[in-house]
Amino acid sequence: MAQRLYTPYGFRDILFDESWQQTEIRHRLRKVFRAFGYRDVETPLVEYLEVFSDERGSIPTQDMYKFVDRDGELLALRPDMTPALARMASFYYRDEDLPLRVTSSGPTFRYSSRYSAKQRQLKQTGIELYGTADPLMDAEVVATSIQALQASGVSEFRTAIGHADLVQGLLKAFDLSEEEIQEWSRQIESKNTFALEQEAREKGLSEEQTAMLLLLTESGDVDLLRRGKELAEKLRLKQMLDAFEWLLETDRLLGLYHVAEYVLYDPGMKPELNYYTGIIFKGYALGAAEPVLDGGRYDALLRQMGAEWGAVGSAIYQDCLLEALKHQDLLPEPFVCTLLTGPDPELLIRRAETMRAEGKAVVCVPGLSADEARVYAEKHCDSRVLIITEEGQETV
């Protein structure tokens, strides 16, 4: 049987340049997170399956990599960072003073993903903020995430913000069946105004009810939130009114972080994961086929784990971000080092050690001709070539 020297479907090797770029991007993101006081933690790649159970609102179990260990325990490769980090925080820090800020990086594993039909391993770097449930926390996490994207080098991106209570709050007020709620939700998500107008007429909705329904198909600046608040007050929709007021306060606070140009509001946004119960957001960058950022508030998930906290977090998907940076011609500079060659290995080593002490990256390959050295350097070093003669003289 022939050896399989390739990776399984959905997984891939990441080679020199891209691996360097991934490392550099992760460094830029985490530098911003540290500036906001987020401390590094790591959770294992393998967790008990119950951490990601349907009741927790994570991804469907059929999309997870599941297995049974030799002790008969049901385990899973981590499909989602948030429940794992919530499990860690509620176990170790339940009695700690809040707020608690953590950042973590690592891969997640899924058979199918909304981010890529072909990739089953996705790298992400994100933050979680545990504490009180208020717009101040939400604004910090959104602003920190936007500033991290700025620091990554990407220029053309926007963050769409919504709220998990808006669509459900309105549709439940219309006394729809569960099937109708799901259908109308799909039409709102696809911004199918024609179908919604027809449904509104058939249901006999008032002019103001129809206006609110169609408002959920719009996206725009803070004026959209003000219109939504006015309609919610007229229609006496408390759940929606609370959500719009929450978003308006979040917008006011975001103004203090000077990130307004990167924000738009999408009241019809649907939570991708069921544990989101408040603000939700996604970041889109020119050149990336899928969102580079997502996040939201998930207070109920912490309560399920015994911690009576508020919680909001975000994740930046490095694979998608790298795709955007490549499209925008903003990739990090490649790894650069100097190639030393010549007939005397001892001279090369001494010169290389001096250069490394100066903070330079150096490789030594004795015995190459000038032409051979240039070919090697182009493939592996992306830098100049220094040839050290037997007398210790340097030529470029």
Protein backbone atom coordinates (compact mmCIF):
# COMPACT_ATOMS: atom_id res chain seq x y z
CA MET A 1 0.00 0.00 0.00
CA ALA A 2 1.39 3.40 -1.00
CA GLN A 3 2.30 5.82 1.76
CA ARG A 4 -0.04 8.75 2.24
CA LEU A 5 2.29 11.74 2.25
CA TYR A 6 -0.56 14.23 1.96
CA THR A 7 -2.91 15.60 4.61
CA PRO A 8 -6.47 14.42 5.32
CA TYR A 9 -9.31 16.25 3.60
CA GLY A 10 -9.93 19.64 5.20
CA PHE A 11 -6.43 19.94 6.66
CA ARG A 12 -3.29 21.37 5.10
CA ASP A 13 0.37 22.02 5.69
CA ILE A 14 1.35 25.66 6.14
CA LEU A 15 4.80 26.31 4.74
CA PHE A 16 7.52 28.91 5.21
CA ASP A 17 6.13 32.24 4.02
CA GLU A 18 2.53 31.69 5.07
CA SER A 19 3.58 30.27 8.44
CA TRP A 20 5.72 33.36 9.03
CA GLN A 21 2.82 35.62 8.00
CA GLN A 22 0.41 33.80 10.33
CA THR A 23 2.85 34.20 13.21
CA GLU A 24 3.37 37.90 12.48
CA ILE A 25 -0.38 38.56 12.24
CA ARG A 26 -1.03 36.74 15.51
CA HIS A 27 1.71 38.83 17.17
CA ARG A 28 0.09 42.06 15.94
CA LEU A 29 -3.34 41.04 17.21
CA ARG A 30 -2.14 39.96 20.61
CA LYS A 31 -0.11 43.13 21.06
CA VAL A 32 -3.38 45.09 20.92
CA PHE A 33 -5.13 42.64 23.25
CA ARG A 34 -2.33 42.97 25.80
CA ALA A 35 -2.59 46.77 25.59
CA PHE A 36 -6.20 46.43 26.80
CA GLY A 37 -5.15 44.15 29.67
CA TYR A 38 -6.14 40.75 28.22
CA ARG A 39 -3.97 37.94 29.58
CA ASP A 40 -3.01 34.79 27.71
CA VAL A 41 -4.56 31.44 28.55
CA GLU A 42 -4.69 28.09 26.76
CA THR A 43 -7.30 25.36 26.84
CA PRO A 44 -6.64 21.83 25.56
CA LEU A 45 -7.50 20.75 22.04
CA VAL A 46 -9.55 17.91 23.55
CA GLU A 47 -12.52 18.55 25.86
CA TYR A 48 -15.34 16.47 27.25
CA LEU A 49 -18.12 16.38 24.67
CA GLU A 50 -20.60 17.81 27.18
CA VAL A 51 -18.75 21.15 27.13
CA PHE A 52 -20.16 21.63 23.60
CA SER A 53 -23.55 19.97 24.11
CA ASP A 54 -26.67 21.11 22.27
CA GLU A 55 -27.96 22.61 25.51
CA ARG A 56 -24.93 24.90 25.57
CA GLY A 57 -25.80 26.25 22.12
CA SER A 58 -22.54 25.35 20.38
CA ILE A 59 -22.29 23.84 16.91
CA PRO A 60 -24.28 20.67 16.07
CA THR A 61 -22.67 17.53 17.43
CA GLN A 62 -22.65 15.93 13.97
CA ASP A 63 -20.16 18.60 12.88
CA MET A 64 -17.68 17.76 15.67
CA TYR A 65 -14.73 15.40 15.69
CA LYS A 66 -15.85 13.02 18.47
CA PHE A 67 -14.24 9.93 19.93
CA VAL A 68 -14.23 7.68 22.98
CA ASP A 69 -11.05 7.35 25.04
CA ARG A 70 -9.90 4.09 26.62
CA ASP A 71 -11.76 4.97 29.83
CA GLY A 72 -15.04 5.20 27.92
CA GLU A 73 -15.31 8.99 28.14
CA LEU A 74 -16.92 10.91 25.25
CA LEU A 75 -14.45 13.52 24.04
CA ALA A 76 -14.27 16.02 21.19
CA LEU A 77 -11.63 18.01 19.38
CA ARG A 78 -12.39 21.63 20.26
CA PRO A 79 -14.90 22.92 17.64
CA ASP A 80 -15.42 26.30 19.30
CA MET A 81 -13.21 28.33 21.63
CA THR A 82 -15.95 30.12 23.59
CA PRO A 83 -17.47 27.20 25.57
CA ALA A 84 -13.99 25.89 26.37
CA LEU A 85 -12.87 29.26 27.71
CA ALA A 86 -16.14 29.67 29.62
CA ARG A 87 -15.55 26.25 31.20
CA MET A 88 -12.02 27.28 32.19
CA ALA A 89 -13.04 30.67 33.61
CA SER A 90 -15.96 29.31 35.63
CA PHE A 91 -13.76 26.54 37.09
CA TYR A 92 -10.66 28.53 38.05
CA TYR A 93 -11.91 32.08 38.58
CA ARG A 94 -15.46 31.74 39.94
CA ASP A 95 -14.49 33.51 43.18
CA GLU A 96 -12.14 36.05 41.59
CA ASP A 97 -12.73 39.77 41.43
CA LEU A 98 -14.27 40.83 38.15
CA PRO A 99 -13.87 41.90 35.42
CA LEU A 100 -11.69 39.10 34.07
CA ARG A 101 -10.00 39.56 30.68
CA VAL A 102 -8.46 36.65 28.77
CA THR A 103 -7.07 36.12 25.29
CA SER A 104 -6.35 32.83 23.58
CA SER A 105 -5.14 31.55 20.22
CA GLY A 106 -5.44 28.15 18.64
CA PRO A 107 -7.15 25.91 16.11
CA THR A 108 -10.74 24.68 16.09
CA PHE A 109 -11.93 21.55 14.32
CA ARG A 110 -15.24 21.09 12.48
CA TYR A 111 -16.46 18.76 9.77
CA SER A 112 -18.37 21.62 8.19
CA SER A 113 -18.00 25.33 8.78
CA ARG A 114 -19.77 28.46 7.72
CA TYR A 115 -16.29 29.91 7.16
CA SER A 116 -15.08 27.36 4.64
CA ALA A 117 -16.61 24.34 2.96
CA LYS A 118 -13.14 22.81 2.54
CA GLN A 119 -11.21 23.73 5.68
CA ARG A 120 -11.82 21.68 8.81
CA GLN A 121 -9.11 23.27 10.92
CA LEU A 122 -9.36 27.03 11.47
CA LYS A 123 -6.98 29.23 13.43
CA GLN A 124 -8.43 31.97 15.56
CA THR A 125 -7.23 34.53 18.06
CA GLY A 126 -9.74 36.21 20.32
CA ILE A 127 -10.68 37.78 23.61
CA GLU A 128 -13.26 37.15 26.32
CA LEU A 129 -14.42 39.69 28.89
CA TYR A 130 -16.22 38.38 31.98
CA GLY A 131 -17.95 40.71 34.41
CA THR A 132 -21.16 42.72 34.52
CA ALA A 133 -23.67 42.69 31.69
CA ASP A 134 -23.61 46.21 30.29
CA PRO A 135 -22.90 48.11 27.06
CA LEU A 136 -19.53 49.26 28.43
CA MET A 137 -18.18 45.71 28.18
CA ASP A 138 -19.65 45.25 24.71
CA ALA A 139 -18.11 48.49 23.45
CA GLU A 140 -14.69 47.53 24.79
CA VAL A 141 -14.69 44.12 23.09
CA VAL A 142 -15.91 45.54 19.76
CA ALA A 143 -13.42 48.43 19.87
CA THR A 144 -10.54 46.16 20.89
CA SER A 145 -11.34 43.80 18.02
CA ILE A 146 -11.50 46.64 15.51
CA GLN A 147 -8.20 48.08 16.72
CA ALA A 148 -6.65 44.60 16.45
CA LEU A 149 -7.83 44.34 12.83
CA GLN A 150 -6.31 47.75 12.17
CA ALA A 151 -3.03 46.60 13.70
CA SER A 152 -3.04 43.49 11.49
CA GLY A 153 -2.57 45.78 8.50
CA VAL A 154 -5.93 45.25 6.82
CA SER A 155 -7.47 48.53 5.65
CA GLU A 156 -10.78 47.82 3.90
CA PHE A 157 -13.09 46.28 6.50
CA ARG A 158 -16.33 46.97 8.37
CA THR A 159 -17.91 45.53 11.51
CA ALA A 160 -21.66 44.90 11.38
CA ILE A 161 -23.43 44.98 14.76
CA GLY A 162 -26.83 43.59 15.66
CA HIS A 163 -28.68 42.16 18.64
CA ALA A 164 -30.01 38.65 19.20
CA ASP A 165 -33.33 39.94 20.62
CA LEU A 166 -34.42 42.03 17.65
CA VAL A 167 -35.63 39.51 15.07
CA GLN A 168 -37.04 37.08 17.62
CA GLY A 169 -38.57 39.91 19.64
CA LEU A 170 -40.52 41.19 16.66
CA LEU A 171 -41.61 37.89 15.15
CA LYS A 172 -42.85 36.52 18.47
CA ALA A 173 -44.95 39.67 18.89
CA PHE A 174 -46.74 38.81 15.62
CA ASP A 175 -48.09 35.52 17.06
CA LEU A 176 -46.51 33.44 14.30
CA SER A 177 -46.12 29.68 14.28
CA GLU A 178 -42.62 28.28 14.78
CA GLU A 179 -42.51 27.38 11.10
CA GLU A 180 -43.51 30.92 10.12
CA ILE A 181 -40.90 32.39 12.47
CA GLN A 182 -38.18 30.33 10.80
CA GLU A 183 -39.37 31.31 7.30
CA TRP A 184 -39.65 35.01 8.10
CA SER A 185 -36.24 34.88 9.78
CA ARG A 186 -34.72 33.52 6.58
CA GLN A 187 -36.39 36.27 4.56
CA ILE A 188 -35.08 38.93 6.93
CA GLU A 189 -31.57 37.47 6.80
CA SER A 190 -31.64 37.44 2.98
CA LYS A 191 -33.22 40.94 3.01
CA ASN A 192 -36.12 39.75 0.87
CA THR A 193 -38.34 42.83 1.26
CA PHE A 194 -40.80 41.79 -1.44
CA ALA A 195 -41.65 38.51 0.29
CA LEU A 196 -41.89 40.23 3.67
CA GLU A 197 -44.25 42.91 2.36
CA GLN A 198 -46.49 40.19 0.95
CA GLU A 199 -46.41 38.26 4.23
CA ALA A 200 -47.24 41.47 6.12
CA ARG A 201 -50.29 42.13 3.92
CA GLU A 202 -51.52 38.55 4.29
CA LYS A 203 -51.16 38.76 8.08
CA GLY A 204 -52.91 42.11 8.19
CA LEU A 205 -50.00 43.92 9.87
CA SER A 206 -50.35 47.62 10.52
CA GLU A 207 -48.29 50.24 8.70
CA GLU A 208 -46.00 50.67 11.71
CA GLN A 209 -45.59 46.91 12.20
CA THR A 210 -44.67 46.55 8.54
CA ALA A 211 -42.22 49.45 8.83
CA MET A 212 -40.49 47.72 11.75
CA LEU A 213 -40.37 44.43 9.86
CA LEU A 214 -38.75 46.09 6.85
CA LEU A 215 -36.35 48.04 9.06
CA LEU A 216 -34.81 44.70 10.01
CA THR A 217 -33.71 44.24 6.40
CA GLU A 218 -31.72 47.49 6.42
CA SER A 219 -28.17 48.25 7.46
CA GLY A 220 -26.70 51.64 8.18
CA ASP A 221 -25.42 54.08 10.77
CA VAL A 222 -26.75 55.03 14.19
CA ASP A 223 -29.81 56.77 12.67
CA LEU A 224 -31.15 53.29 11.89
CA LEU A 225 -31.08 52.49 15.61
CA ARG A 226 -32.92 55.71 16.46
CA ARG A 227 -35.67 54.88 13.95
CA GLY A 228 -35.94 51.40 15.40
CA LYS A 229 -36.24 52.76 18.93
CA GLU A 230 -39.04 55.14 17.92
CA LEU A 231 -41.00 52.35 16.24
CA ALA A 232 -40.45 50.01 19.21
CA GLU A 233 -41.85 52.69 21.54
CA LYS A 234 -44.93 53.22 19.36
CA LEU A 235 -45.56 49.49 19.06
CA ARG A 236 -44.83 48.90 22.76
CA LEU A 237 -42.31 46.18 21.99
CA LYS A 238 -40.29 46.19 25.20
CA GLN A 239 -37.83 43.47 24.19
CA MET A 240 -36.94 45.35 21.02
CA LEU A 241 -36.91 48.71 22.78
CA ASP A 242 -34.41 47.41 25.33
CA ALA A 243 -32.23 46.03 22.54
CA PHE A 244 -32.22 49.28 20.56
CA GLU A 245 -31.42 51.31 23.69
CA TRP A 246 -28.57 48.91 24.49
CA LEU A 247 -27.14 49.34 20.98
CA LEU A 248 -27.51 53.13 21.14
CA GLU A 249 -25.53 53.25 24.37
CA THR A 250 -22.92 50.91 22.88
CA ASP A 251 -22.64 53.23 19.87
CA ARG A 252 -22.12 56.24 22.15
CA LEU A 253 -19.30 54.45 23.95
CA LEU A 254 -17.73 53.26 20.70
CA GLY A 255 -17.42 56.91 19.72
CA LEU A 256 -14.91 57.33 22.56
CA TYR A 257 -12.67 54.71 20.94
CA HIS A 258 -12.64 56.53 17.56
CA VAL A 259 -13.71 53.45 15.56
CA ALA A 260 -17.06 54.73 14.23
CA GLU A 261 -15.88 54.66 10.60
CA TYR A 262 -15.53 50.87 10.82
CA VAL A 263 -19.01 50.25 12.29
CA LEU A 264 -22.43 49.77 10.72
CA TYR A 265 -25.62 48.38 12.20
CA ASP A 266 -27.60 45.40 10.94
CA PRO A 267 -30.69 44.89 13.15
CA GLY A 268 -31.72 41.80 11.18
CA MET A 269 -28.48 39.94 11.93
CA LYS A 270 -29.09 36.38 13.06
CA PRO A 271 -26.92 34.71 15.74
CA GLU A 272 -24.88 31.91 14.19
CA LEU A 273 -24.62 30.11 17.55
CA ASN A 274 -27.48 29.65 19.98
CA TYR A 275 -25.57 30.78 23.07
CA TYR A 276 -25.55 34.40 21.89
CA THR A 277 -28.18 36.31 23.84
CA GLY A 278 -27.35 40.00 23.34
CA ILE A 279 -25.15 42.05 21.06
CA ILE A 280 -23.74 40.15 18.08
CA PHE A 281 -21.24 41.33 15.49
CA LYS A 282 -19.26 40.25 12.43
CA GLY A 283 -16.33 41.80 10.64
CA TYR A 284 -16.04 41.74 6.86
CA ALA A 285 -12.87 42.60 4.94
CA LEU A 286 -12.39 43.22 1.23
CA GLY A 287 -10.96 40.10 -0.38
CA ALA A 288 -12.13 37.59 2.25
CA ALA A 289 -14.97 35.31 1.21
CA GLU A 290 -16.09 34.82 4.82
CA PRO A 291 -16.13 37.04 7.95
CA VAL A 292 -12.75 37.77 9.50
CA LEU A 293 -14.33 38.52 12.87
CA ASP A 294 -17.33 37.44 14.88
CA GLY A 295 -18.50 37.63 18.44
CA GLY A 296 -21.22 38.58 20.85
CA ARG A 297 -22.66 38.39 24.35
CA TYR A 298 -23.34 34.97 25.91
CA ASP A 299 -24.37 35.47 29.56
CA ALA A 300 -26.56 32.34 29.65
CA LEU A 301 -23.65 30.06 28.76
CA LEU A 302 -21.76 31.21 31.87
CA ARG A 303 -24.83 30.63 34.05
CA GLN A 304 -25.08 27.06 32.76
CA MET A 305 -21.55 26.54 34.06
CA GLY A 306 -22.37 28.01 37.46
CA ALA A 307 -20.92 31.50 37.07
CA GLU A 308 -23.38 34.36 37.49
CA TRP A 309 -21.44 36.74 35.25
CA GLY A 310 -21.95 38.67 32.11
CA ALA A 311 -19.73 37.58 29.23
CA VAL A 312 -18.87 38.94 25.79
CA GLY A 313 -16.14 37.84 23.41
CA SER A 314 -14.81 37.91 19.88
CA ALA A 315 -12.73 35.75 17.55
CA ILE A 316 -10.57 36.84 14.63
CA TYR A 317 -10.15 34.13 11.99
CA GLN A 318 -6.54 34.28 10.85
CA ASP A 319 -7.03 32.25 7.66
CA CYS A 320 -9.74 34.63 6.45
CA LEU A 321 -7.73 37.67 7.57
CA LEU A 322 -4.69 36.44 5.65
CA GLU A 323 -6.89 36.06 2.57
CA ALA A 324 -8.01 39.70 2.90
CA LEU A 325 -4.47 40.96 3.46
CA LYS A 326 -3.29 39.13 0.37
CA HIS A 327 -6.12 40.58 -1.73
CA GLN A 328 -5.39 44.10 -0.47
CA ASP A 329 -1.65 43.64 -1.08
CA LEU A 330 -0.95 44.23 2.62
CA LEU A 331 0.71 40.99 3.68
CA PRO A 332 3.47 41.26 6.29
CA GLU A 333 6.98 41.54 4.94
CA PRO A 334 8.53 38.12 4.35
CA PHE A 335 11.01 36.58 6.75
CA VAL A 336 14.47 37.91 5.91
CA CYS A 337 17.89 36.51 6.74
CA THR A 338 21.40 36.65 5.34
CA LEU A 339 23.18 33.72 3.71
CA LEU A 340 26.87 33.34 4.49
CA THR A 341 28.98 31.10 2.31
CA GLY A 342 32.66 30.55 1.67
CA PRO A 343 35.38 27.89 1.89
CA ASP A 344 36.10 28.15 5.66
CA PRO A 345 33.24 26.98 7.98
CA GLU A 346 34.96 28.41 11.06
CA LEU A 347 35.08 31.90 9.57
CA LEU A 348 31.40 31.60 8.64
CA ILE A 349 30.38 30.55 12.14
CA ARG A 350 32.34 33.37 13.81
CA ARG A 351 30.88 35.98 11.44
CA ALA A 352 27.38 34.57 11.84
CA GLU A 353 27.57 34.68 15.65
CA THR A 354 28.61 38.33 15.51
CA MET A 355 25.68 39.18 13.25
CA ARG A 356 23.20 37.21 15.38
CA ALA A 357 24.35 39.12 18.45
CA GLU A 358 23.33 42.26 16.52
CA GLY A 359 19.82 40.83 16.11
CA LYS A 360 20.18 39.61 12.54
CA ALA A 361 19.05 36.26 11.16
CA VAL A 362 21.83 34.32 9.47
CA VAL A 363 22.27 30.92 7.82
CA CYS A 364 25.60 29.32 6.96
CA VAL A 365 26.03 27.09 3.90
CA PRO A 366 29.74 26.53 3.17
CA GLY A 367 31.16 25.88 -0.26
CA LEU A 368 28.59 27.49 -2.56
CA SER A 369 29.54 29.41 -5.65
CA ALA A 370 28.20 32.92 -6.04
CA ASP A 371 25.50 31.76 -8.45
CA GLU A 372 24.53 28.79 -6.25
CA ALA A 373 24.33 31.04 -3.21
CA ARG A 374 22.02 33.50 -4.95
CA VAL A 375 19.67 30.71 -6.05
CA TYR A 376 19.61 29.24 -2.52
CA ALA A 377 19.07 32.66 -0.92
CA GLU A 378 16.18 33.42 -3.23
CA LYS A 379 14.45 30.23 -2.16
CA HIS A 380 15.18 30.26 1.56
CA CYS A 381 16.45 33.61 2.75
CA ASP A 382 14.97 36.39 0.61
CA SER A 383 17.99 38.52 1.38
CA ARG A 384 21.49 39.42 0.34
CA VAL A 385 24.37 36.94 0.08
CA LEU A 386 27.69 37.45 1.83
CA ILE A 387 30.66 35.43 0.60
CA ILE A 388 33.47 35.15 3.17
CA THR A 389 36.85 34.49 1.58
CA GLU A 390 39.65 32.53 3.25
CA GLU A 391 41.21 35.88 4.23
CA GLY A 392 37.97 36.89 5.94
CA GLN A 393 37.00 39.45 3.34
CA GLU A 394 33.30 39.92 2.54
CA THR A 395 31.84 40.25 -0.95
CA VAL A 396 28.20 40.65 -1.80
